Amino acid sequence: MKEVAGRLLLGLAATVAALALVIILIAFSIGYLLDSLAVVLSPLMGQASALAVTGLLCALLLLVTLRALTRISSSEKRASAQPHSHHAALLDSSRELIQKYPMESAAIALIAGVAAETPETRELLKTTVKAWLETQSTA
């Protein structure tokens, strides 16, 4: 069981590290793209105007992103206001488990996404979750 937990933690750490690396690379690439846009526009309209246009583009992208995020949030509120479906009991019990064990739920969700890749890791995840559920039910 300790070996399984060690593998799961190692996989979780590797996944988080890879995700952090991807986010850092995306952030730097956006920065370099905006810098190169300012360099390209400088001969056409001067450096100050090029930087102003680039700044306005950044503000526009930020506004579009925030607008999209607020629309997602408002659509979730509308969906939650609708009457409960036949899956309401399952959703309620899942919410209770997630609220009771937030860190474990997050780790299981992340590992489940990674484990869906191969049958071996999927089986490892199933046995680990079963063992964890048995220890939680006896505790």
Protein backbone atom coordinates (compact mmCIF):
# COMPACT_ATOMS: atom_id res chain seq x y z
CA MET A 1 0.00 0.00 0.00
CA LYS A 2 2.89 2.35 0.76
CA GLU A 3 4.36 1.66 -2.66
CA VAL A 4 1.07 2.57 -4.32
CA ALA A 5 0.77 5.76 -2.29
CA GLY A 6 4.36 6.64 -3.15
CA ARG A 7 3.71 6.14 -6.85
CA LEU A 8 0.54 8.21 -6.66
CA LEU A 9 2.35 11.05 -4.88
CA LEU A 10 5.21 10.91 -7.36
CA GLY A 11 2.75 11.01 -10.25
CA LEU A 12 0.90 13.89 -8.63
CA ALA A 13 4.12 15.84 -8.10
CA ALA A 14 5.25 15.22 -11.68
CA THR A 15 1.87 16.32 -13.03
CA VAL A 16 1.86 19.50 -10.96
CA ALA A 17 5.43 20.28 -12.02
CA ALA A 18 4.56 19.75 -15.68
CA LEU A 19 1.47 21.93 -15.37
CA ALA A 20 3.48 24.70 -13.70
CA LEU A 21 6.07 24.50 -16.46
CA VAL A 22 3.40 24.76 -19.15
CA ILE A 23 1.84 27.79 -17.46
CA ILE A 24 5.23 29.50 -17.13
CA LEU A 25 6.05 28.80 -20.78
CA ILE A 26 2.70 30.17 -21.94
CA ALA A 27 3.13 33.32 -19.85
CA PHE A 28 6.63 33.97 -21.18
CA SER A 29 5.59 33.28 -24.77
CA ILE A 30 2.73 35.79 -24.51
CA GLY A 31 5.20 38.31 -23.10
CA TYR A 32 7.63 37.72 -25.95
CA LEU A 33 4.83 37.98 -28.52
CA LEU A 34 3.71 41.32 -27.13
CA ASP A 35 7.30 42.57 -27.01
CA SER A 36 7.86 41.53 -30.62
CA LEU A 37 4.62 43.28 -31.62
CA ALA A 38 5.94 46.49 -30.06
CA VAL A 39 9.24 46.07 -31.91
CA VAL A 40 7.46 45.49 -35.24
CA LEU A 41 5.17 48.49 -34.77
CA SER A 42 7.95 50.85 -33.62
CA PRO A 43 9.23 51.77 -37.12
CA LEU A 44 5.68 52.34 -38.35
CA MET A 45 4.35 54.60 -35.60
CA GLY A 46 7.13 55.33 -33.14
CA GLN A 47 8.08 53.54 -29.98
CA ALA A 48 5.64 55.30 -27.65
CA SER A 49 2.67 54.68 -29.95
CA ALA A 50 3.69 51.05 -30.47
CA LEU A 51 3.85 50.48 -26.73
CA ALA A 52 0.48 52.20 -26.30
CA VAL A 53 -1.11 49.96 -28.95
CA THR A 54 0.43 46.89 -27.32
CA GLY A 55 -0.85 48.01 -23.90
CA LEU A 56 -4.34 48.53 -25.27
CA LEU A 57 -4.22 45.07 -26.84
CA CYS A 58 -3.26 43.62 -23.44
CA ALA A 59 -6.14 45.45 -21.77
CA LEU A 60 -8.54 44.23 -24.46
CA LEU A 61 -7.40 40.62 -24.02
CA LEU A 62 -7.81 40.97 -20.26
CA LEU A 63 -11.33 42.34 -20.63
CA VAL A 64 -12.33 39.57 -23.04
CA THR A 65 -10.96 36.94 -20.66
CA LEU A 66 -12.74 38.42 -17.65
CA ARG A 67 -15.97 38.74 -19.62
CA ALA A 68 -15.77 35.06 -20.60
CA LEU A 69 -15.12 34.05 -16.99
CA THR A 70 -18.08 36.05 -15.71
CA ARG A 71 -20.34 34.48 -18.33
CA ILE A 72 -19.25 31.02 -17.23
CA SER A 73 -19.99 31.97 -13.62
CA SER A 74 -23.44 33.36 -14.40
CA SER A 75 -24.38 30.33 -16.51
CA GLU A 76 -23.44 28.05 -13.60
CA LYS A 77 -25.71 30.08 -11.31
CA ARG A 78 -28.58 29.72 -13.76
CA ALA A 79 -28.01 25.99 -14.01
CA SER A 80 -28.01 25.62 -10.23
CA ALA A 81 -31.32 27.52 -10.02
CA GLN A 82 -33.04 24.89 -12.16
CA PRO A 83 -34.90 22.06 -10.41
CA HIS A 84 -32.94 19.01 -9.27
CA SER A 85 -32.55 16.20 -11.74
CA HIS A 86 -32.65 12.50 -10.96
CA HIS A 87 -28.91 12.65 -10.23
CA ALA A 88 -29.38 15.10 -7.36
CA ALA A 89 -28.80 12.53 -4.63
CA LEU A 90 -25.53 11.40 -6.20
CA LEU A 91 -24.38 14.98 -6.63
CA ASP A 92 -25.26 15.86 -3.05
CA SER A 93 -23.36 12.90 -1.65
CA SER A 94 -20.38 13.77 -3.87
CA ARG A 95 -20.44 17.35 -2.61
CA GLU A 96 -20.50 16.15 0.97
CA LEU A 97 -17.51 13.88 0.39
CA ILE A 98 -15.59 16.64 -1.36
CA GLN A 99 -16.33 19.06 1.49
CA LYS A 100 -15.35 16.47 4.08
CA TYR A 101 -12.10 15.45 2.31
CA PRO A 102 -11.05 18.35 0.03
CA MET A 103 -7.36 17.49 -0.39
CA GLU A 104 -8.00 13.82 -0.98
CA SER A 105 -10.75 14.64 -3.48
CA ALA A 106 -8.48 16.99 -5.41
CA ALA A 107 -5.68 14.43 -5.50
CA ILE A 108 -8.05 11.69 -6.66
CA ALA A 109 -9.53 13.93 -9.37
CA LEU A 110 -6.09 14.87 -10.67
CA ILE A 111 -4.82 11.32 -10.61
CA ALA A 112 -8.03 10.05 -12.23
CA GLY A 113 -7.44 12.40 -15.14
CA VAL A 114 -3.90 11.11 -15.54
CA ALA A 115 -4.90 7.48 -14.95
CA ALA A 116 -7.39 7.47 -17.79
CA GLU A 117 -4.47 7.17 -20.20
CA THR A 118 -3.57 3.50 -19.74
CA PRO A 119 -5.40 0.43 -18.40
CA GLU A 120 -2.62 -0.33 -15.91
CA THR A 121 -2.83 3.06 -14.22
CA ARG A 122 -6.62 2.92 -14.32
CA GLU A 123 -6.56 -0.40 -12.45
CA LEU A 124 -4.01 0.97 -9.97
CA LEU A 125 -6.29 3.93 -9.32
CA LYS A 126 -9.32 1.68 -8.77
CA THR A 127 -7.53 -0.49 -6.22
CA THR A 128 -6.14 2.56 -4.42
CA VAL A 129 -9.52 4.24 -4.18
CA LYS A 130 -11.13 1.01 -2.96
CA ALA A 131 -8.46 0.63 -0.27
CA TRP A 132 -8.85 4.27 0.77
CA LEU A 133 -12.63 3.96 0.97
CA GLU A 134 -12.29 0.84 3.11
CA THR A 135 -9.95 2.61 5.53
CA GLN A 136 -12.33 5.58 5.72
CA SER A 137 -15.36 3.39 6.37
CA THR A 138 -13.62 1.54 9.20
CA ALA A 139 -12.30 4.74 10.80
